[in-house]
Amino acid sequence: MAKLFKRSRITLILGMVAGLALVIGVLSIFEIPSDTLTGVLIRLVGGLLAFVVLGFLLASAWVGIKRLLGRR
């Protein structure tokens, strides 16, 4: 039971970090003006962060689907 609680707590923390990173990435793509070098860098980092988080979410969904299919 303690192992399950520890695993779910880590998953919850990773999910919160991924959600926050996705929100920051999307906001930085659409809300930051690209007139200055700082704006360009923020948009670049935010876009890359959004793609990394999206890849993480897709990979975790794939693992979940494989687990569901493997148990049947």
N, C-alpha and C. Protein backbone atom coordinates (compact mmCIF):
# COMPACT_ATOMS: atom_id res chain seq x y z
N MET A 1 0.82 -1.19 0.00
CA MET A 1 0.00 0.00 0.00
C MET A 1 0.87 1.25 0.00
N ALA A 2 1.96 1.22 0.76
CA ALA A 2 2.84 2.38 0.81
C ALA A 2 3.51 2.61 -0.54
N LYS A 3 3.84 1.52 -1.23
CA LYS A 3 4.47 1.64 -2.55
C LYS A 3 3.49 2.26 -3.54
N LEU A 4 2.23 1.85 -3.49
CA LEU A 4 1.21 2.42 -4.38
C LEU A 4 1.01 3.89 -4.08
N PHE A 5 0.96 4.26 -2.79
CA PHE A 5 0.78 5.65 -2.42
C PHE A 5 1.96 6.50 -2.88
N LYS A 6 3.16 5.97 -2.73
CA LYS A 6 4.35 6.69 -3.16
C LYS A 6 4.35 6.87 -4.67
N ARG A 7 3.96 5.85 -5.41
CA ARG A 7 3.93 5.93 -6.86
C ARG A 7 2.86 6.92 -7.33
N SER A 8 1.68 6.90 -6.69
CA SER A 8 0.62 7.82 -7.10
C SER A 8 0.98 9.26 -6.74
N ARG A 9 1.70 9.45 -5.66
CA ARG A 9 2.11 10.80 -5.28
C ARG A 9 3.12 11.34 -6.29
N ILE A 10 4.05 10.51 -6.73
CA ILE A 10 5.03 10.94 -7.74
C ILE A 10 4.31 11.25 -9.05
N THR A 11 3.34 10.40 -9.42
CA THR A 11 2.58 10.64 -10.64
C THR A 11 1.79 11.94 -10.55
N LEU A 12 1.21 12.21 -9.39
CA LEU A 12 0.47 13.45 -9.19
C LEU A 12 1.38 14.66 -9.32
N ILE A 13 2.55 14.60 -8.74
CA ILE A 13 3.50 15.72 -8.82
C ILE A 13 3.95 15.91 -10.27
N LEU A 14 4.26 14.81 -10.97
CA LEU A 14 4.66 14.92 -12.37
C LEU A 14 3.52 15.48 -13.23
N GLY A 15 2.30 15.07 -12.95
CA GLY A 15 1.16 15.59 -13.69
C GLY A 15 0.96 17.08 -13.46
N MET A 16 1.14 17.53 -12.22
CA MET A 16 1.00 18.96 -11.94
C MET A 16 2.10 19.77 -12.62
N VAL A 17 3.31 19.26 -12.60
CA VAL A 17 4.42 19.96 -13.27
C VAL A 17 4.20 19.99 -14.77
N ALA A 18 3.73 18.87 -15.33
CA ALA A 18 3.48 18.82 -16.76
C ALA A 18 2.35 19.77 -17.16
N GLY A 19 1.29 19.82 -16.36
CA GLY A 19 0.20 20.75 -16.64
C GLY A 19 0.63 22.20 -16.56
N LEU A 20 1.43 22.53 -15.54
CA LEU A 20 1.92 23.89 -15.41
C LEU A 20 2.85 24.25 -16.57
N ALA A 21 3.69 23.33 -16.96
CA ALA A 21 4.59 23.59 -18.08
C ALA A 21 3.81 23.76 -19.38
N LEU A 22 2.75 22.98 -19.55
CA LEU A 22 1.94 23.11 -20.75
C LEU A 22 1.23 24.46 -20.80
N VAL A 23 0.70 24.90 -19.66
CA VAL A 23 0.04 26.21 -19.60
C VAL A 23 1.05 27.33 -19.89
N ILE A 24 2.23 27.27 -19.28
CA ILE A 24 3.25 28.29 -19.53
C ILE A 24 3.68 28.27 -20.98
N GLY A 25 3.85 27.08 -21.54
CA GLY A 25 4.26 26.97 -22.94
C GLY A 25 3.23 27.55 -23.89
N VAL A 26 1.97 27.24 -23.67
CA VAL A 26 0.92 27.76 -24.56
C VAL A 26 0.78 29.27 -24.39
N LEU A 27 0.81 29.75 -23.17
CA LEU A 27 0.70 31.19 -22.95
C LEU A 27 1.89 31.93 -23.55
N SER A 28 3.06 31.36 -23.45
CA SER A 28 4.23 32.04 -23.98
C SER A 28 4.21 32.07 -25.51
N ILE A 29 3.58 31.10 -26.13
CA ILE A 29 3.49 31.11 -27.59
C ILE A 29 2.56 32.24 -28.05
N PHE A 30 1.44 32.42 -27.36
CA PHE A 30 0.42 33.33 -27.85
C PHE A 30 0.47 34.73 -27.23
N GLU A 31 1.02 34.89 -26.02
CA GLU A 31 0.90 36.16 -25.32
C GLU A 31 2.16 37.02 -25.32
N ILE A 32 3.30 36.46 -25.59
CA ILE A 32 4.55 37.21 -25.50
C ILE A 32 4.86 37.83 -26.87
N PRO A 33 5.08 39.14 -26.93
CA PRO A 33 5.44 39.73 -28.22
C PRO A 33 6.86 39.32 -28.62
N SER A 34 7.06 39.17 -29.91
CA SER A 34 8.37 38.74 -30.38
C SER A 34 9.18 39.90 -30.95
N ASP A 35 9.01 41.08 -30.36
CA ASP A 35 9.75 42.26 -30.81
C ASP A 35 11.18 42.26 -30.29
N THR A 36 11.36 41.75 -29.09
CA THR A 36 12.68 41.79 -28.46
C THR A 36 13.30 40.40 -28.44
N LEU A 37 14.57 40.36 -28.14
CA LEU A 37 15.28 39.08 -28.05
C LEU A 37 14.74 38.25 -26.90
N THR A 38 14.40 38.89 -25.79
CA THR A 38 13.84 38.16 -24.66
C THR A 38 12.51 37.52 -25.03
N GLY A 39 11.67 38.26 -25.76
CA GLY A 39 10.39 37.70 -26.20
C GLY A 39 10.57 36.52 -27.11
N VAL A 40 11.54 36.61 -28.01
CA VAL A 40 11.81 35.49 -28.92
C VAL A 40 12.29 34.28 -28.14
N LEU A 41 13.19 34.50 -27.18
CA LEU A 41 13.70 33.37 -26.39
C LEU A 41 12.61 32.73 -25.55
N ILE A 42 11.74 33.56 -24.97
CA ILE A 42 10.66 33.03 -24.15
C ILE A 42 9.70 32.21 -25.01
N ARG A 43 9.39 32.71 -26.20
CA ARG A 43 8.50 31.96 -27.10
C ARG A 43 9.14 30.65 -27.55
N LEU A 44 10.44 30.69 -27.82
CA LEU A 44 11.15 29.47 -28.26
C LEU A 44 11.16 28.43 -27.15
N VAL A 45 11.55 28.86 -25.95
CA VAL A 45 11.61 27.92 -24.82
C VAL A 45 10.21 27.42 -24.47
N GLY A 46 9.23 28.32 -24.50
CA GLY A 46 7.86 27.91 -24.20
C GLY A 46 7.32 26.92 -25.22
N GLY A 47 7.62 27.15 -26.48
CA GLY A 47 7.17 26.21 -27.51
C GLY A 47 7.83 24.85 -27.36
N LEU A 48 9.13 24.85 -27.10
CA LEU A 48 9.82 23.57 -26.90
C LEU A 48 9.30 22.84 -25.67
N LEU A 49 9.03 23.61 -24.62
CA LEU A 49 8.49 23.03 -23.39
C LEU A 49 7.11 22.42 -23.64
N ALA A 50 6.29 23.12 -24.42
CA ALA A 50 4.96 22.59 -24.73
C ALA A 50 5.07 21.28 -25.53
N PHE A 51 5.99 21.21 -26.49
CA PHE A 51 6.16 19.98 -27.26
C PHE A 51 6.70 18.85 -26.40
N VAL A 52 7.60 19.15 -25.48
CA VAL A 52 8.13 18.11 -24.59
C VAL A 52 7.03 17.56 -23.69
N VAL A 53 6.21 18.46 -23.15
CA VAL A 53 5.12 18.02 -22.28
C VAL A 53 4.09 17.22 -23.08
N LEU A 54 3.80 17.67 -24.30
CA LEU A 54 2.87 16.92 -25.14
C LEU A 54 3.42 15.52 -25.44
N GLY A 55 4.70 15.43 -25.71
CA GLY A 55 5.33 14.13 -25.93
C GLY A 55 5.27 13.26 -24.69
N PHE A 56 5.47 13.87 -23.52
CA PHE A 56 5.38 13.13 -22.27
C PHE A 56 3.97 12.59 -22.06
N LEU A 57 2.97 13.43 -22.33
CA LEU A 57 1.59 13.00 -22.16
C LEU A 57 1.22 11.89 -23.14
N LEU A 58 1.68 12.01 -24.39
CA LEU A 58 1.41 10.96 -25.37
C LEU A 58 2.10 9.65 -24.99
N ALA A 59 3.33 9.76 -24.50
CA ALA A 59 4.06 8.55 -24.09
C ALA A 59 3.39 7.87 -22.90
N SER A 60 2.92 8.66 -21.94
CA SER A 60 2.25 8.05 -20.79
C SER A 60 0.92 7.45 -21.20
N ALA A 61 0.22 8.07 -22.15
CA ALA A 61 -1.03 7.48 -22.65
C ALA A 61 -0.73 6.17 -23.37
N TRP A 62 0.33 6.12 -24.13
CA TRP A 62 0.70 4.91 -24.84
C TRP A 62 1.02 3.78 -23.86
N VAL A 63 1.75 4.11 -22.80
CA VAL A 63 2.08 3.10 -21.79
C VAL A 63 0.81 2.61 -21.11
N GLY A 64 -0.12 3.52 -20.84
CA GLY A 64 -1.38 3.12 -20.23
C GLY A 64 -2.19 2.21 -21.13
N ILE A 65 -2.23 2.52 -22.41
CA ILE A 65 -2.96 1.67 -23.36
C ILE A 65 -2.31 0.29 -23.45
N LYS A 66 -0.98 0.24 -23.48
CA LYS A 66 -0.29 -1.05 -23.56
C LYS A 66 -0.56 -1.88 -22.30
N ARG A 67 -0.62 -1.22 -21.14
CA ARG A 67 -0.91 -1.95 -19.91
C ARG A 67 -2.33 -2.51 -19.93
N LEU A 68 -3.27 -1.70 -20.40
CA LEU A 68 -4.65 -2.18 -20.46
C LEU A 68 -4.79 -3.36 -21.41
N LEU A 69 -4.13 -3.27 -22.56
CA LEU A 69 -4.22 -4.37 -23.52
C LEU A 69 -3.47 -5.60 -23.04
N GLY A 70 -2.41 -5.39 -22.28
CA GLY A 70 -1.63 -6.52 -21.78
C GLY A 70 -2.34 -7.29 -20.69
N ARG A 71 -3.20 -6.63 -19.93
CA ARG A 71 -3.89 -7.30 -18.83
C ARG A 71 -5.06 -8.13 -19.31
N ARG A 72 -5.59 -7.86 -20.50
CA ARG A 72 -6.76 -8.60 -20.98
C ARG A 72 -6.40 -9.94 -21.52
